[in-house]
Structure formats: C-alpha cells, structure tokens
N, C-alpha and C. Protein backbone atom coordinates (compact mmCIF):
# COMPACT_ATOMS: atom_id res chain seq x y z
N UNK A 1 -28.06 20.39 14.39
CA UNK A 1 -28.76 19.20 14.37
C UNK A 1 -30.17 19.25 14.71
N UNK A 2 -30.82 18.46 13.77
CA UNK A 2 -32.40 18.41 14.04
C UNK A 2 -32.88 17.23 14.75
N UNK A 3 -32.00 16.42 15.30
CA UNK A 3 -32.25 15.33 16.07
C UNK A 3 -31.67 15.35 17.38
N UNK A 4 -32.03 14.35 18.29
CA UNK A 4 -31.45 14.25 19.49
C UNK A 4 -30.95 12.93 19.59
N UNK A 5 -29.57 12.38 19.91
CA UNK A 5 -29.08 11.30 20.19
C UNK A 5 -28.44 11.02 21.61
N UNK A 6 -28.41 10.25 22.29
CA UNK A 6 -27.70 9.75 23.74
C UNK A 6 -27.15 8.22 23.48
N UNK A 7 -26.00 8.10 24.11
CA UNK A 7 -25.45 6.84 24.23
C UNK A 7 -24.76 6.57 25.36
N UNK A 8 -24.99 5.36 25.94
CA UNK A 8 -24.38 5.18 27.25
C UNK A 8 -23.33 4.27 27.25
N UNK A 9 -22.18 4.05 27.51
CA UNK A 9 -21.18 3.06 27.28
C UNK A 9 -20.73 2.63 28.73
N UNK A 10 -20.99 1.16 29.01
CA UNK A 10 -20.24 0.50 30.30
C UNK A 10 -18.95 0.25 30.01
N UNK A 11 -18.08 1.05 30.87
CA UNK A 11 -16.71 1.20 30.80
C UNK A 11 -15.96 -0.04 30.93
N UNK A 12 -16.27 -1.05 31.79
CA UNK A 12 -15.70 -2.26 32.12
C UNK A 12 -15.59 -3.28 30.84
N UNK A 13 -16.85 -3.12 30.10
CA UNK A 13 -16.91 -3.91 29.00
C UNK A 13 -16.25 -3.44 27.97
N UNK A 14 -16.39 -2.01 27.73
CA UNK A 14 -15.54 -1.25 26.64
C UNK A 14 -13.93 -1.64 26.93
N UNK A 15 -13.40 -1.58 28.14
CA UNK A 15 -12.03 -1.77 28.37
C UNK A 15 -11.61 -3.26 27.99
N UNK A 16 -12.64 -4.22 28.12
CA UNK A 16 -12.33 -5.60 27.87
C UNK A 16 -11.87 -5.71 26.16
N UNK A 17 -12.85 -4.98 25.67
CA UNK A 17 -12.76 -5.03 24.12
C UNK A 17 -11.58 -4.42 23.63
N UNK A 18 -11.10 -3.34 24.30
CA UNK A 18 -9.89 -2.58 24.01
C UNK A 18 -8.56 -3.31 24.34
N UNK A 19 -8.78 -3.98 25.41
CA UNK A 19 -7.51 -4.62 25.93
C UNK A 19 -7.31 -6.06 25.43
N UNK A 20 -8.19 -6.53 24.67
CA UNK A 20 -8.13 -7.92 24.01
C UNK A 20 -6.90 -8.11 23.13
N UNK A 21 -5.92 -9.30 23.39
CA UNK A 21 -4.71 -9.26 22.68
C UNK A 21 -4.88 -9.18 21.04
N UNK A 22 -4.06 -8.20 20.69
CA UNK A 22 -4.18 -7.91 19.17
C UNK A 22 -5.41 -7.10 18.81
N UNK A 23 -6.16 -6.61 19.70
CA UNK A 23 -7.38 -5.64 19.16
C UNK A 23 -6.78 -4.28 18.56
N UNK A 24 -7.49 -4.21 17.52
CA UNK A 24 -7.19 -2.80 16.77
C UNK A 24 -8.51 -2.06 16.73
N UNK A 25 -9.44 -2.36 17.82
CA UNK A 25 -10.72 -1.66 18.05
C UNK A 25 -10.42 -0.25 17.89
N UNK A 26 -9.55 0.66 18.86
CA UNK A 26 -9.40 1.89 19.21
C UNK A 26 -8.63 2.65 17.53
N UNK A 27 -7.88 1.85 17.03
CA UNK A 27 -7.30 2.18 15.63
C UNK A 27 -8.74 2.43 14.69
N UNK A 28 -9.69 1.52 14.71
CA UNK A 28 -10.83 1.60 13.82
C UNK A 28 -11.82 2.74 14.27
N UNK A 29 -11.63 3.29 15.39
CA UNK A 29 -12.43 4.23 15.81
C UNK A 29 -12.03 5.65 16.24
N UNK A 30 -10.92 5.71 16.44
CA UNK A 30 -10.09 6.97 16.79
C UNK A 30 -9.54 7.44 15.64
N UNK A 31 -9.54 8.89 15.38
CA UNK A 31 -8.35 9.58 14.38
C UNK A 31 -7.07 9.57 15.19
N UNK A 32 -6.09 10.00 14.53
CA UNK A 32 -4.81 9.87 15.23
C UNK A 32 -5.02 11.28 16.29
N UNK A 33 -5.74 12.47 15.96
CA UNK A 33 -5.95 13.52 16.95
C UNK A 33 -6.64 13.04 17.99
N UNK A 34 -7.63 12.18 17.95
CA UNK A 34 -8.30 11.73 19.11
C UNK A 34 -7.49 10.82 19.79
N UNK A 35 -6.75 9.87 19.15
CA UNK A 35 -5.94 8.96 20.02
C UNK A 35 -5.03 9.68 20.89
N UNK A 36 -4.36 10.62 20.39
CA UNK A 36 -3.21 11.66 21.04
C UNK A 36 -3.96 12.22 22.12
N UNK A 37 -5.35 12.70 22.16
CA UNK A 37 -6.18 13.39 23.22
C UNK A 37 -6.38 12.34 24.30
N UNK A 38 -6.74 11.36 23.77
CA UNK A 38 -7.23 10.12 24.69
C UNK A 38 -5.91 9.75 25.67
N UNK A 39 -4.77 9.64 24.79
CA UNK A 39 -3.44 9.16 25.60
C UNK A 39 -2.88 10.09 26.75
N UNK A 40 -3.08 11.56 26.14
CA UNK A 40 -2.69 12.74 26.98
C UNK A 40 -3.69 12.51 28.03
N UNK A 41 -5.11 12.86 28.01
CA UNK A 41 -5.87 12.74 29.20
C UNK A 41 -5.98 11.45 30.08
N UNK A 42 -5.52 10.35 29.59
CA UNK A 42 -5.50 9.19 30.29
C UNK A 42 -4.12 9.37 31.38
N UNK A 43 -3.10 9.74 30.72
CA UNK A 43 -1.77 9.94 31.55
C UNK A 43 -1.95 11.15 32.55
N UNK A 44 -2.67 12.12 32.22
CA UNK A 44 -2.86 13.43 32.91
C UNK A 44 -3.66 12.94 34.34
N UNK A 45 -4.49 12.09 34.04
CA UNK A 45 -5.75 12.00 34.90
C UNK A 45 -5.40 10.78 35.89
N UNK A 46 -4.78 9.72 35.42
CA UNK A 46 -4.51 8.50 36.23
C UNK A 46 -3.14 7.97 35.73
N UNK A 47 -2.08 8.63 36.05
CA UNK A 47 -0.81 7.91 35.83
C UNK A 47 -0.34 6.67 36.49
N UNK A 48 -1.33 6.20 37.48
CA UNK A 48 -0.84 5.01 38.27
C UNK A 48 -1.64 3.87 37.27
N UNK A 49 -2.60 4.19 36.44
CA UNK A 49 -3.45 3.07 35.75
C UNK A 49 -3.94 3.77 34.51
N UNK A 50 -3.01 3.97 33.42
CA UNK A 50 -3.50 4.62 32.30
C UNK A 50 -4.38 3.73 31.53
N UNK A 51 -4.24 2.47 31.36
CA UNK A 51 -5.09 1.71 30.88
C UNK A 51 -6.69 1.80 31.14
N UNK A 52 -7.07 1.91 32.44
CA UNK A 52 -8.34 2.11 32.78
C UNK A 52 -8.89 3.47 32.28
N UNK A 53 -7.92 4.27 32.53
CA UNK A 53 -8.16 6.03 32.28
C UNK A 53 -8.20 5.79 30.47
N UNK A 54 -7.49 5.11 30.01
CA UNK A 54 -7.60 5.13 28.49
C UNK A 54 -9.05 5.04 28.19
N UNK A 55 -9.49 3.67 28.65
CA UNK A 55 -11.03 3.10 28.41
C UNK A 55 -12.13 4.12 28.72
N UNK A 56 -11.69 4.69 29.72
CA UNK A 56 -12.47 6.07 30.24
C UNK A 56 -12.94 7.02 29.08
N UNK A 57 -11.73 7.57 28.80
CA UNK A 57 -11.75 8.54 27.73
C UNK A 57 -11.99 8.40 26.49
N UNK A 58 -11.82 7.06 25.89
CA UNK A 58 -11.97 6.59 24.78
C UNK A 58 -13.43 6.23 24.49
N UNK A 59 -14.11 5.60 25.70
CA UNK A 59 -15.35 5.47 25.72
C UNK A 59 -16.47 6.60 25.71
N UNK A 60 -15.93 7.59 26.26
CA UNK A 60 -16.76 8.96 25.93
C UNK A 60 -16.72 9.29 24.52
N UNK A 61 -15.77 9.25 23.92
CA UNK A 61 -15.62 9.52 22.46
C UNK A 61 -16.54 8.45 21.78
N UNK A 62 -16.43 7.31 22.09
CA UNK A 62 -17.20 6.42 21.32
C UNK A 62 -18.75 6.67 21.41
N UNK A 63 -19.24 7.20 22.84
CA UNK A 63 -20.60 7.18 23.13
C UNK A 63 -21.02 8.39 22.05
N UNK A 64 -20.05 9.40 22.05
CA UNK A 64 -20.43 10.78 21.43
C UNK A 64 -20.75 10.32 19.81
N UNK A 65 -19.87 9.53 19.31
CA UNK A 65 -19.99 8.89 17.99
C UNK A 65 -21.43 8.39 17.63
N UNK A 66 -21.49 7.41 18.81
CA UNK A 66 -23.04 6.70 18.36
C UNK A 66 -24.08 7.57 18.70
N UNK A 67 -24.03 8.52 19.71
CA UNK A 67 -24.67 9.58 19.68
C UNK A 67 -25.17 10.37 18.77
N UNK A 68 -24.04 10.66 18.00
CA UNK A 68 -24.25 11.63 16.67
C UNK A 68 -25.08 10.57 15.71
N UNK A 69 -24.79 9.54 15.45
CA UNK A 69 -25.42 8.65 14.18
C UNK A 69 -26.89 8.45 14.86
N UNK A 70 -27.17 8.58 15.90
CA UNK A 70 -28.73 8.31 16.54
C UNK A 70 -29.25 9.81 16.25
N UNK A 71 -28.81 10.90 16.59
CA UNK A 71 -29.18 12.23 16.56
C UNK A 71 -29.57 12.52 14.87
N UNK A 72 -28.73 12.07 14.02
CA UNK A 72 -28.65 12.22 12.70
C UNK A 72 -30.00 11.40 12.13
N UNK A 73 -29.87 10.11 12.79
CA UNK A 73 -31.22 9.39 12.20
C UNK A 73 -32.27 9.78 12.55
N UNK A 74 -32.32 10.39 13.72
CA UNK A 74 -33.80 11.13 14.31
C UNK A 74 -34.17 12.22 13.49
N UNK A 75 -32.97 13.08 12.95
CA UNK A 75 -33.37 14.15 12.17
C UNK A 75 -33.84 13.85 10.78
N UNK A 76 -33.61 12.43 10.47
CA UNK A 76 -34.37 12.00 9.01
C UNK A 76 -35.60 11.01 9.14
N UNK A 77 -36.11 11.18 10.52
CA UNK A 77 -37.08 10.18 10.67
C UNK A 77 -38.09 9.88 9.45
N UNK A 78 -38.33 8.70 9.45
CA UNK A 78 -39.16 8.37 8.25
C UNK A 78 -38.38 8.28 6.99
N UNK A 79 -37.20 8.51 6.83
CA UNK A 79 -36.20 8.40 5.53
C UNK A 79 -35.37 7.31 5.75
N UNK A 80 -35.07 6.83 4.86
CA UNK A 80 -33.70 5.70 5.16
C UNK A 80 -32.63 6.29 5.43
N UNK A 81 -31.46 5.73 6.32
CA UNK A 81 -30.43 6.30 6.58
C UNK A 81 -29.58 6.56 5.08
N UNK A 82 -28.92 7.69 4.96
CA UNK A 82 -28.03 7.81 3.94
C UNK A 82 -26.69 6.94 3.88
N UNK A 83 -26.34 6.61 4.96
CA UNK A 83 -25.14 5.74 5.00
C UNK A 83 -25.58 4.35 5.83
N UNK A 84 -25.41 3.18 5.57
CA UNK A 84 -25.90 1.97 6.17
C UNK A 84 -25.12 2.05 7.53
N UNK A 85 -25.86 1.78 8.60
CA UNK A 85 -25.05 1.81 9.83
C UNK A 85 -23.71 0.97 9.82
N UNK A 86 -23.92 -0.20 9.20
CA UNK A 86 -22.64 -1.23 9.14
C UNK A 86 -21.59 -0.73 8.23
N UNK A 87 -21.77 0.38 7.64
CA UNK A 87 -20.79 0.75 6.70
C UNK A 87 -20.17 2.34 7.08
N UNK A 88 -20.47 2.41 8.66
CA UNK A 88 -20.17 3.61 8.96
C UNK A 88 -18.42 3.59 9.31
N UNK A 89 -17.52 4.61 8.85
CA UNK A 89 -16.12 4.71 9.29
C UNK A 89 -16.19 5.78 10.20
N UNK A 90 -16.10 5.29 11.52
CA UNK A 90 -16.19 5.77 12.82
C UNK A 90 -14.93 6.90 12.92
N UNK A 91 -14.01 6.87 12.01
CA UNK A 91 -12.95 8.12 12.00
C UNK A 91 -13.54 9.22 11.54
N UNK A 92 -14.35 9.07 10.56
CA UNK A 92 -15.22 10.21 9.78
C UNK A 92 -15.84 11.13 10.76
N UNK A 93 -16.36 10.54 11.93
CA UNK A 93 -17.24 11.32 12.99
C UNK A 93 -15.86 11.67 14.03
N UNK A 94 -15.26 12.81 13.89
CA UNK A 94 -14.22 13.12 14.87
C UNK A 94 -14.58 14.25 16.14
N UNK A 95 -14.27 13.79 17.18
CA UNK A 95 -14.55 14.48 18.49
C UNK A 95 -13.25 15.40 18.56
N UNK A 96 -13.44 16.46 18.51
CA UNK A 96 -12.47 17.76 18.78
C UNK A 96 -12.62 18.32 20.34
N UNK A 97 -11.53 18.86 20.65
CA UNK A 97 -11.67 19.72 21.89
C UNK A 97 -11.04 21.14 21.67
N UNK A 98 -11.70 22.24 22.23
CA UNK A 98 -10.90 23.51 22.22
C UNK A 98 -9.89 23.45 23.32
N UNK A 99 -9.31 24.56 23.70
CA UNK A 99 -8.46 24.62 24.52
C UNK A 99 -9.02 24.80 26.16
N UNK A 100 -10.22 24.61 26.24
CA UNK A 100 -10.87 24.53 27.61
C UNK A 100 -11.23 23.05 27.67
N UNK A 101 -11.04 22.21 26.94
CA UNK A 101 -11.54 20.78 26.62
C UNK A 101 -13.06 20.52 26.39
N UNK A 102 -13.64 21.49 25.95
CA UNK A 102 -15.05 21.43 25.56
C UNK A 102 -15.38 20.67 24.19
N UNK A 103 -15.88 19.59 23.94
CA UNK A 103 -16.26 18.92 22.85
C UNK A 103 -16.76 19.48 21.80
N UNK A 104 -16.51 19.02 20.72
CA UNK A 104 -17.39 19.41 19.41
C UNK A 104 -17.01 18.18 18.51
N UNK A 105 -18.01 18.15 17.35
CA UNK A 105 -17.69 17.03 16.45
C UNK A 105 -17.27 17.66 14.77
N UNK A 106 -16.62 17.07 14.22
CA UNK A 106 -16.07 17.51 13.17
C UNK A 106 -16.15 16.36 11.99
N UNK A 107 -17.05 16.37 11.04
CA UNK A 107 -17.21 15.23 9.95
C UNK A 107 -16.50 15.32 8.88
N UNK A 108 -16.00 14.23 8.32
CA UNK A 108 -15.10 14.18 7.33
C UNK A 108 -15.55 12.92 6.38
N UNK A 109 -15.07 13.20 5.19
CA UNK A 109 -15.16 12.21 4.04
C UNK A 109 -16.65 11.81 3.70
N UNK A 110 -16.94 10.52 3.52
CA UNK A 110 -18.16 9.95 3.30
C UNK A 110 -19.58 10.68 4.36
N UNK A 111 -19.07 10.36 5.38
CA UNK A 111 -19.85 11.03 6.42
C UNK A 111 -20.38 12.45 6.27
N UNK A 112 -19.33 13.17 6.39
CA UNK A 112 -19.59 14.60 6.07
C UNK A 112 -20.38 14.87 4.93
N UNK A 113 -20.04 14.35 3.68
CA UNK A 113 -20.69 14.56 2.65
C UNK A 113 -22.07 14.14 2.49
N UNK A 114 -22.36 12.93 3.05
CA UNK A 114 -23.84 12.31 3.27
C UNK A 114 -24.58 13.14 4.34
N UNK A 115 -23.93 13.63 5.38
CA UNK A 115 -24.84 14.61 6.26
C UNK A 115 -25.36 15.97 5.64
N UNK A 116 -24.21 16.57 4.98
CA UNK A 116 -24.43 17.71 4.38
C UNK A 116 -25.52 17.55 3.25
N UNK A 117 -25.52 16.28 2.49
CA UNK A 117 -26.46 16.13 1.30
C UNK A 117 -27.83 15.73 1.95
N UNK A 118 -27.96 15.13 3.17
CA UNK A 118 -29.49 15.18 3.86
C UNK A 118 -30.08 16.11 4.70
N UNK A 119 -29.05 16.85 5.17
CA UNK A 119 -29.54 18.10 6.14
C UNK A 119 -29.01 19.44 5.80
N UNK A 120 -28.54 19.41 4.43
CA UNK A 120 -28.20 20.92 4.02
C UNK A 120 -26.72 21.28 4.34
N UNK A 121 -26.21 22.39 4.03
CA UNK A 121 -25.14 23.13 3.96
C UNK A 121 -24.76 23.09 5.65
N UNK A 122 -23.56 22.75 6.37
CA UNK A 122 -23.09 22.93 7.47
C UNK A 122 -23.41 24.12 8.24
N UNK A 123 -23.66 25.27 7.33
CA UNK A 123 -24.03 26.69 7.96
C UNK A 123 -25.22 26.86 8.13
N UNK A 124 -26.29 25.89 8.00
CA UNK A 124 -27.63 25.83 8.24
C UNK A 124 -28.14 25.00 9.51
N UNK A 125 -27.08 24.23 9.84
CA UNK A 125 -27.33 23.54 11.26
C UNK A 125 -26.11 23.55 12.00
N UNK A 126 -26.18 23.28 13.41
CA UNK A 126 -25.10 22.81 14.28
C UNK A 126 -25.44 21.63 15.23
N UNK A 127 -23.96 20.90 15.53
CA UNK A 127 -24.14 19.78 16.32
C UNK A 127 -23.66 20.02 17.58
N UNK A 128 -24.54 19.88 18.63
CA UNK A 128 -24.04 20.13 20.03
C UNK A 128 -23.64 18.95 20.54
N UNK A 129 -22.68 18.68 21.45
CA UNK A 129 -22.28 17.58 22.05
C UNK A 129 -21.88 17.62 23.39
N UNK A 130 -22.18 16.63 24.34
CA UNK A 130 -21.88 16.55 25.59
C UNK A 130 -21.19 15.47 26.15
N UNK A 131 -20.17 15.21 27.08
CA UNK A 131 -19.77 14.11 27.23
C UNK A 131 -19.56 13.76 28.71
N UNK A 132 -19.96 12.90 29.60
CA UNK A 132 -19.67 13.05 30.83
C UNK A 132 -19.25 11.33 31.23
N UNK A 133 -18.58 11.25 32.38
CA UNK A 133 -18.16 10.06 32.87
C UNK A 133 -18.61 10.16 34.41
N UNK A 134 -19.05 8.82 34.96
CA UNK A 134 -19.26 8.68 36.40
C UNK A 134 -19.22 7.15 36.65
N UNK A 135 -18.36 6.84 37.51
CA UNK A 135 -18.25 5.42 37.81
C UNK A 135 -17.80 4.61 36.61
N UNK A 136 -18.84 3.58 36.41
CA UNK A 136 -18.38 2.70 35.35
C UNK A 136 -19.10 3.14 33.98
N UNK A 137 -19.53 4.23 33.81
CA UNK A 137 -20.32 4.55 32.66
C UNK A 137 -19.79 5.97 31.84
N UNK A 138 -19.82 5.80 30.74
CA UNK A 138 -19.56 7.30 29.98
C UNK A 138 -20.98 7.51 29.30
N UNK A 139 -21.12 8.79 29.04
CA UNK A 139 -22.62 9.19 28.36
C UNK A 139 -22.17 10.26 27.46
N UNK A 140 -22.90 10.34 26.34
CA UNK A 140 -22.93 11.57 25.43
C UNK A 140 -24.13 11.61 24.84
N UNK A 141 -24.38 12.95 24.78
CA UNK A 141 -25.74 13.26 24.19
C UNK A 141 -25.14 14.50 23.05
N UNK A 142 -25.80 14.24 21.99
CA UNK A 142 -25.79 14.92 20.60
C UNK A 142 -27.09 15.50 20.12
N UNK A 143 -27.23 16.72 20.09
CA UNK A 143 -28.30 17.48 19.40
C UNK A 143 -27.85 18.41 18.36
C-alpha cells in the first residue's frame, strides 16, 4: 500500500449497534469466513460472555476495514476516490488469518478491481495490517 490508515473502534458503542434487536449489521460487514473466525475466537476467549467477546473481535475487523479505506484514500491523495465511500461493500474487504492468527487483507469484487485499477497489479504493492484490542477499544492500522 502506498498510504497509511488507522481506525479506532469504541467497543461498547459497537456492541450496542451489533446487539440491537433485528440488527443485521454484522451480516453486512463480515464475510462468512470472518463470521466463523469471530464466533470461534469469541467462544475460545470468553465462553462466559461470548456476546462481549464477539463485539471485541468483530470490532477489530471493522477497524481494519475502515483503516484500509483510509490507507487507500491516502495513497490516492489529490485524486477522487475510485469507489464512493457510501457504496463500499464491506464484505469485499476481507480480513483473513493465517494458522498463527496473523491478519492480512484479501480484496474481492468491485473493491479489488478498483484497487488494482488505481494502484496497479497487486504484485506491485502489499497491504500490511495490524489489529489490537485493549479495554474498551479496538484499533487497526493498514499500510
């Protein structure tokens, strides 16, 4: 990536949004693979309160997706965004994990195509991502 993005998520507010009756927020931002990962991590890290742990882990992924959009925008400084920020399909920015739980990003669909068109072939750039949680916050940085 040729830009830097960071995003901070206040987890109690994020949990409120996720826990609203009838909320489909997570289905709109997480891929099926991400949802499986988040549920597995929540169950493993906090079996007594999986709802709170769910928001914690999903909030980290949400921060990474937001940070990616910011990094991409920074890479295109002084140029219009190739995708209107209101039209982003968040499931096209997927946080994947390797066997040691290190995060990376996989871009799909319109976002992947627009990123390639604006930055060049993915072999010419790399996206680095870091996600952390502490207390009531989750933070992600993408470069």
